Every structure is written in C-alpha cells, then in structure tokens.
Amino acid sequence: MIKERLSKQDLMKMYNVDRTTIEEWRRRFGLPMIEISSHSKYIRREDLLKWEDKMKRD
C-alpha cells in the first residue's frame, strides 16, 4: 500500500507559509519530514495529521 506523500512545496501551499517556516517547524516542533536529499523532502499525510493533533494538544 502506497502512502500519500506531501512535499515541502505542498505544505507551503496548504499553510500559506514559506520554506523557512517549514524548516523551523522541523527544527523547533518536530515536523516529521523525510529527507531524500537536501532538495527533496516529504511527509506522509498520516504523519502530518498526527503531528497536527499533537500540536493542538501541546
């Protein structure tokens, strides 16, 4: 089963934020991006939803 993946660009569009904000979320808030290379990162939709739920609770 293939899990839906969202790129950093997808997240930027979804949340209307820039690349710097996404990187800050990774560093400061543990956004679980998977890094393929320095220019290729993605997150599984299910991991994003879990992260959002955690951020709401904290």
PDB file of N, CA and C in Angstrom:
ATOM      1  N   MET A   1       0.841  -1.185   0.000  1.00  0.00           N
ATOM      2  CA  MET A   1       0.000   0.000   0.000  1.00  0.00           C
ATOM      3  C   MET A   1       0.885   1.248   0.000  1.00  0.00           C
ATOM      4  N   ILE A   2       0.676   2.128  -0.939  1.00  0.00           N
ATOM      5  CA  ILE A   2       1.452   3.355  -1.038  1.00  0.00           C
ATOM      6  C   ILE A   2       0.767   4.436  -0.212  1.00  0.00           C
ATOM      7  N   LYS A   3       1.542   5.064   0.644  1.00  0.00           N
ATOM      8  CA  LYS A   3       1.031   6.141   1.491  1.00  0.00           C
ATOM      9  C   LYS A   3       1.140   7.457   0.722  1.00  0.00           C
ATOM     10  N   GLU A   4       0.141   8.308   0.867  1.00  0.00           N
ATOM     11  CA  GLU A   4       0.192   9.603   0.191  1.00  0.00           C
ATOM     12  C   GLU A   4       1.287  10.466   0.817  1.00  0.00           C
ATOM     13  N   ARG A   5       2.105  11.038  -0.058  1.00  0.00           N
ATOM     14  CA  ARG A   5       3.205  11.895   0.383  1.00  0.00           C
ATOM     15  C   ARG A   5       2.942  13.335  -0.021  1.00  0.00           C
ATOM     16  N   LEU A   6       3.344  14.237   0.850  1.00  0.00           N
ATOM     17  CA  LEU A   6       3.234  15.660   0.574  1.00  0.00           C
ATOM     18  C   LEU A   6       4.640  16.255   0.578  1.00  0.00           C
ATOM     19  N   SER A   7       4.946  17.042  -0.422  1.00  0.00           N
ATOM     20  CA  SER A   7       6.260  17.678  -0.499  1.00  0.00           C
ATOM     21  C   SER A   7       6.274  18.936   0.369  1.00  0.00           C
ATOM     22  N   LYS A   8       7.467  19.461   0.556  1.00  0.00           N
ATOM     23  CA  LYS A   8       7.595  20.722   1.279  1.00  0.00           C
ATOM     24  C   LYS A   8       6.794  21.810   0.558  1.00  0.00           C
ATOM     25  N   GLN A   9       6.822  21.789  -0.775  1.00  0.00           N
ATOM     26  CA  GLN A   9       6.057  22.763  -1.554  1.00  0.00           C
ATOM     27  C   GLN A   9       4.559  22.618  -1.311  1.00  0.00           C
ATOM     28  N   ASP A  10       4.080  21.365  -1.182  1.00  0.00           N
ATOM     29  CA  ASP A  10       2.667  21.131  -0.861  1.00  0.00           C
ATOM     30  C   ASP A  10       2.310  21.773   0.481  1.00  0.00           C
ATOM     31  N   LEU A  11       3.183  21.590   1.471  1.00  0.00           N
ATOM     32  CA  LEU A  11       2.927  22.160   2.799  1.00  0.00           C
ATOM     33  C   LEU A  11       2.915  23.684   2.740  1.00  0.00           C
ATOM     34  N   MET A  12       3.827  24.245   1.975  1.00  0.00           N
ATOM     35  CA  MET A  12       3.889  25.704   1.841  1.00  0.00           C
ATOM     36  C   MET A  12       2.572  26.241   1.287  1.00  0.00           C
ATOM     37  N   LYS A  13       2.011  25.553   0.312  1.00  0.00           N
ATOM     38  CA  LYS A  13       0.729  25.970  -0.265  1.00  0.00           C
ATOM     39  C   LYS A  13      -0.422  25.747   0.715  1.00  0.00           C
ATOM     40  N   MET A  14      -0.436  24.589   1.385  1.00  0.00           N
ATOM     41  CA  MET A  14      -1.523  24.249   2.304  1.00  0.00           C
ATOM     42  C   MET A  14      -1.646  25.256   3.443  1.00  0.00           C
ATOM     43  N   TYR A  15      -0.484  25.648   4.010  1.00  0.00           N
ATOM     44  CA  TYR A  15      -0.481  26.500   5.195  1.00  0.00           C
ATOM     45  C   TYR A  15      -0.172  27.963   4.866  1.00  0.00           C
ATOM     46  N   ASN A  16       0.063  28.246   3.586  1.00  0.00           N
ATOM     47  CA  ASN A  16       0.389  29.607   3.145  1.00  0.00           C
ATOM     48  C   ASN A  16       1.583  30.171   3.928  1.00  0.00           C
ATOM     49  N   VAL A  17       2.656  29.380   3.967  1.00  0.00           N
ATOM     50  CA  VAL A  17       3.887  29.788   4.643  1.00  0.00           C
ATOM     51  C   VAL A  17       5.059  29.607   3.683  1.00  0.00           C
ATOM     52  N   ASP A  18       6.217  30.134   4.075  1.00  0.00           N
ATOM     53  CA  ASP A  18       7.391  29.996   3.225  1.00  0.00           C
ATOM     54  C   ASP A  18       8.263  28.823   3.676  1.00  0.00           C
ATOM     55  N   ARG A  19       9.301  28.582   2.907  1.00  0.00           N
ATOM     56  CA  ARG A  19      10.223  27.466   3.154  1.00  0.00           C
ATOM     57  C   ARG A  19      10.869  27.564   4.544  1.00  0.00           C
ATOM     58  N   THR A  20      11.206  28.782   4.950  1.00  0.00           N
ATOM     59  CA  THR A  20      11.843  28.995   6.247  1.00  0.00           C
ATOM     60  C   THR A  20      10.939  28.527   7.385  1.00  0.00           C
ATOM     61  N   THR A  21       9.652  28.794   7.273  1.00  0.00           N
ATOM     62  CA  THR A  21       8.696  28.383   8.305  1.00  0.00           C
ATOM     63  C   THR A  21       8.633  26.862   8.404  1.00  0.00           C
ATOM     64  N   ILE A  22       8.590  26.189   7.266  1.00  0.00           N
ATOM     65  CA  ILE A  22       8.559  24.718   7.281  1.00  0.00           C
ATOM     66  C   ILE A  22       9.812  24.173   7.966  1.00  0.00           C
ATOM     67  N   GLU A  23      10.966  24.742   7.650  1.00  0.00           N
ATOM     68  CA  GLU A  23      12.217  24.298   8.283  1.00  0.00           C
ATOM     69  C   GLU A  23      12.206  24.568   9.783  1.00  0.00           C
ATOM     70  N   GLU A  24      11.626  25.688  10.193  1.00  0.00           N
ATOM     71  CA  GLU A  24      11.523  25.991  11.624  1.00  0.00           C
ATOM     72  C   GLU A  24      10.610  24.983  12.315  1.00  0.00           C
ATOM     73  N   TRP A  25       9.501  24.636  11.664  1.00  0.00           N
ATOM     74  CA  TRP A  25       8.613  23.610  12.225  1.00  0.00           C
ATOM     75  C   TRP A  25       9.348  22.290  12.390  1.00  0.00           C
ATOM     76  N   ARG A  26      10.216  21.962  11.448  1.00  0.00           N
ATOM     77  CA  ARG A  26      11.012  20.720  11.559  1.00  0.00           C
ATOM     78  C   ARG A  26      11.927  20.786  12.772  1.00  0.00           C
ATOM     79  N   ARG A  27      12.663  21.882  12.897  1.00  0.00           N
ATOM     80  CA  ARG A  27      13.658  22.006  13.967  1.00  0.00           C
ATOM     81  C   ARG A  27      13.031  22.201  15.344  1.00  0.00           C
ATOM     82  N   ARG A  28      12.084  23.129  15.443  1.00  0.00           N
ATOM     83  CA  ARG A  28      11.551  23.511  16.753  1.00  0.00           C
ATOM     84  C   ARG A  28      10.380  22.665  17.221  1.00  0.00           C
ATOM     85  N   PHE A  29       9.600  22.162  16.268  1.00  0.00           N
ATOM     86  CA  PHE A  29       8.359  21.477  16.654  1.00  0.00           C
ATOM     87  C   PHE A  29       8.273  20.030  16.183  1.00  0.00           C
ATOM     88  N   GLY A  30       9.362  19.508  15.613  1.00  0.00           N
ATOM     89  CA  GLY A  30       9.421  18.093  15.284  1.00  0.00           C
ATOM     90  C   GLY A  30       8.579  17.648  14.106  1.00  0.00           C
ATOM     91  N   LEU A  31       8.329  18.550  13.148  1.00  0.00           N
ATOM     92  CA  LEU A  31       7.594  18.140  11.944  1.00  0.00           C
ATOM     93  C   LEU A  31       8.367  17.001  11.282  1.00  0.00           C
ATOM     94  N   PRO A  32       7.738  15.822  11.151  1.00  0.00           N
ATOM     95  CA  PRO A  32       8.470  14.622  10.723  1.00  0.00           C
ATOM     96  C   PRO A  32       8.648  14.495   9.198  1.00  0.00           C
ATOM     97  N   MET A  33       9.461  15.391   8.627  1.00  0.00           N
ATOM     98  CA  MET A  33       9.756  15.332   7.197  1.00  0.00           C
ATOM     99  C   MET A  33      10.792  14.241   6.947  1.00  0.00           C
ATOM    100  N   ILE A  34      10.650  13.555   5.841  1.00  0.00           N
ATOM    101  CA  ILE A  34      11.615  12.546   5.407  1.00  0.00           C
ATOM    102  C   ILE A  34      12.502  13.210   4.369  1.00  0.00           C
ATOM    103  N   GLU A  35      13.808  13.196   4.618  1.00  0.00           N
ATOM    104  CA  GLU A  35      14.740  13.870   3.725  1.00  0.00           C
ATOM    105  C   GLU A  35      15.370  12.861   2.770  1.00  0.00           C
ATOM    106  N   ILE A  36      15.070  13.014   1.492  1.00  0.00           N
ATOM    107  CA  ILE A  36      15.645  12.164   0.457  1.00  0.00           C
ATOM    108  C   ILE A  36      17.006  12.734   0.053  1.00  0.00           C
ATOM    109  N   SER A  37      17.061  14.049  -0.104  1.00  0.00           N
ATOM    110  CA  SER A  37      18.305  14.782  -0.355  1.00  0.00           C
ATOM    111  C   SER A  37      18.099  16.178   0.209  1.00  0.00           C
ATOM    112  N   SER A  38      19.120  17.026   0.111  1.00  0.00           N
ATOM    113  CA  SER A  38      18.979  18.372   0.666  1.00  0.00           C
ATOM    114  C   SER A  38      17.883  19.163  -0.045  1.00  0.00           C
ATOM    115  N   HIS A  39      17.519  18.741  -1.260  1.00  0.00           N
ATOM    116  CA  HIS A  39      16.493  19.449  -2.022  1.00  0.00           C
ATOM    117  C   HIS A  39      15.193  18.657  -2.159  1.00  0.00           C
ATOM    118  N   SER A  40      15.118  17.500  -1.544  1.00  0.00           N
ATOM    119  CA  SER A  40      13.932  16.664  -1.691  1.00  0.00           C
ATOM    120  C   SER A  40      13.481  16.152  -0.328  1.00  0.00           C
ATOM    121  N   LYS A  41      12.372  16.715   0.153  1.00  0.00           N
ATOM    122  CA  LYS A  41      11.820  16.305   1.437  1.00  0.00           C
ATOM    123  C   LYS A  41      10.311  16.113   1.286  1.00  0.00           C
ATOM    124  N   TYR A  42       9.790  15.174   2.040  1.00  0.00           N
ATOM    125  CA  TYR A  42       8.347  14.959   2.016  1.00  0.00           C
ATOM    126  C   TYR A  42       7.881  14.441   3.365  1.00  0.00           C
ATOM    127  N   ILE A  43       6.565  14.436   3.525  1.00  0.00           N
ATOM    128  CA  ILE A  43       5.946  13.901   4.734  1.00  0.00           C
ATOM    129  C   ILE A  43       4.756  13.049   4.310  1.00  0.00           C
ATOM    130  N   ARG A  44       4.531  11.966   5.019  1.00  0.00           N
ATOM    131  CA  ARG A  44       3.337  11.154   4.754  1.00  0.00           C
ATOM    132  C   ARG A  44       2.139  11.888   5.338  1.00  0.00           C
ATOM    133  N   ARG A  45       1.026  11.889   4.610  1.00  0.00           N
ATOM    134  CA  ARG A  45      -0.172  12.603   5.076  1.00  0.00           C
ATOM    135  C   ARG A  45      -0.573  12.138   6.486  1.00  0.00           C
ATOM    136  N   GLU A  46      -0.504  10.844   6.745  1.00  0.00           N
ATOM    137  CA  GLU A  46      -0.912  10.352   8.062  1.00  0.00           C
ATOM    138  C   GLU A  46       0.006  10.883   9.160  1.00  0.00           C
ATOM    139  N   ASP A  47       1.309  11.043   8.859  1.00  0.00           N
ATOM    140  CA  ASP A  47       2.237  11.603   9.842  1.00  0.00           C
ATOM    141  C   ASP A  47       1.958  13.084  10.076  1.00  0.00           C
ATOM    142  N   LEU A  48       1.579  13.792   9.023  1.00  0.00           N
ATOM    143  CA  LEU A  48       1.228  15.200   9.153  1.00  0.00           C
ATOM    144  C   LEU A  48       0.007  15.359  10.059  1.00  0.00           C
ATOM    145  N   LEU A  49      -1.004  14.523   9.868  1.00  0.00           N
ATOM    146  CA  LEU A  49      -2.213  14.609  10.692  1.00  0.00           C
ATOM    147  C   LEU A  49      -1.908  14.314  12.155  1.00  0.00           C
ATOM    148  N   LYS A  50      -1.043  13.330  12.406  1.00  0.00           N
ATOM    149  CA  LYS A  50      -0.645  13.014  13.784  1.00  0.00           C
ATOM    150  C   LYS A  50       0.099  14.199  14.402  1.00  0.00           C
ATOM    151  N   TRP A  51       0.991  14.821  13.615  1.00  0.00           N
ATOM    152  CA  TRP A  51       1.758  15.973  14.091  1.00  0.00           C
ATOM    153  C   TRP A  51       0.814  17.128  14.413  1.00  0.00           C
ATOM    154  N   GLU A  52      -0.151  17.388  13.528  1.00  0.00           N
ATOM    155  CA  GLU A  52      -1.123  18.464  13.779  1.00  0.00           C
ATOM    156  C   GLU A  52      -1.879  18.205  15.078  1.00  0.00           C
ATOM    157  N   ASP A  53      -2.333  16.975  15.280  1.00  0.00           N
ATOM    158  CA  ASP A  53      -3.074  16.637  16.511  1.00  0.00           C
ATOM    159  C   ASP A  53      -2.202  16.881  17.745  1.00  0.00           C
ATOM    160  N   LYS A  54      -0.936  16.478  17.671  1.00  0.00           N
ATOM    161  CA  LYS A  54      -0.013  16.676  18.788  1.00  0.00           C
ATOM    162  C   LYS A  54       0.168  18.161  19.066  1.00  0.00           C
ATOM    163  N   MET A  55       0.296  18.968  18.019  1.00  0.00           N
ATOM    164  CA  MET A  55       0.498  20.407  18.204  1.00  0.00           C
ATOM    165  C   MET A  55      -0.739  21.047  18.840  1.00  0.00           C
ATOM    166  N   LYS A  56      -1.914  20.555  18.515  1.00  0.00           N
ATOM    167  CA  LYS A  56      -3.139  21.087  19.095  1.00  0.00           C
ATOM    168  C   LYS A  56      -3.222  20.791  20.591  1.00  0.00           C
ATOM    169  N   ARG A  57      -2.720  19.613  20.991  1.00  0.00           N
ATOM    170  CA  ARG A  57      -2.789  19.188  22.394  1.00  0.00           C
ATOM    171  C   ARG A  57      -1.737  19.893  23.250  1.00  0.00           C
ATOM    172  N   ASP A  58      -0.594  20.193  22.674  1.00  0.00           N
ATOM    173  CA  ASP A  58       0.517  20.795  23.451  1.00  0.00           C
ATOM    174  C   ASP A  58       0.310  22.251  23.743  1.00  0.00           C
TER     175      ASP A  58
END
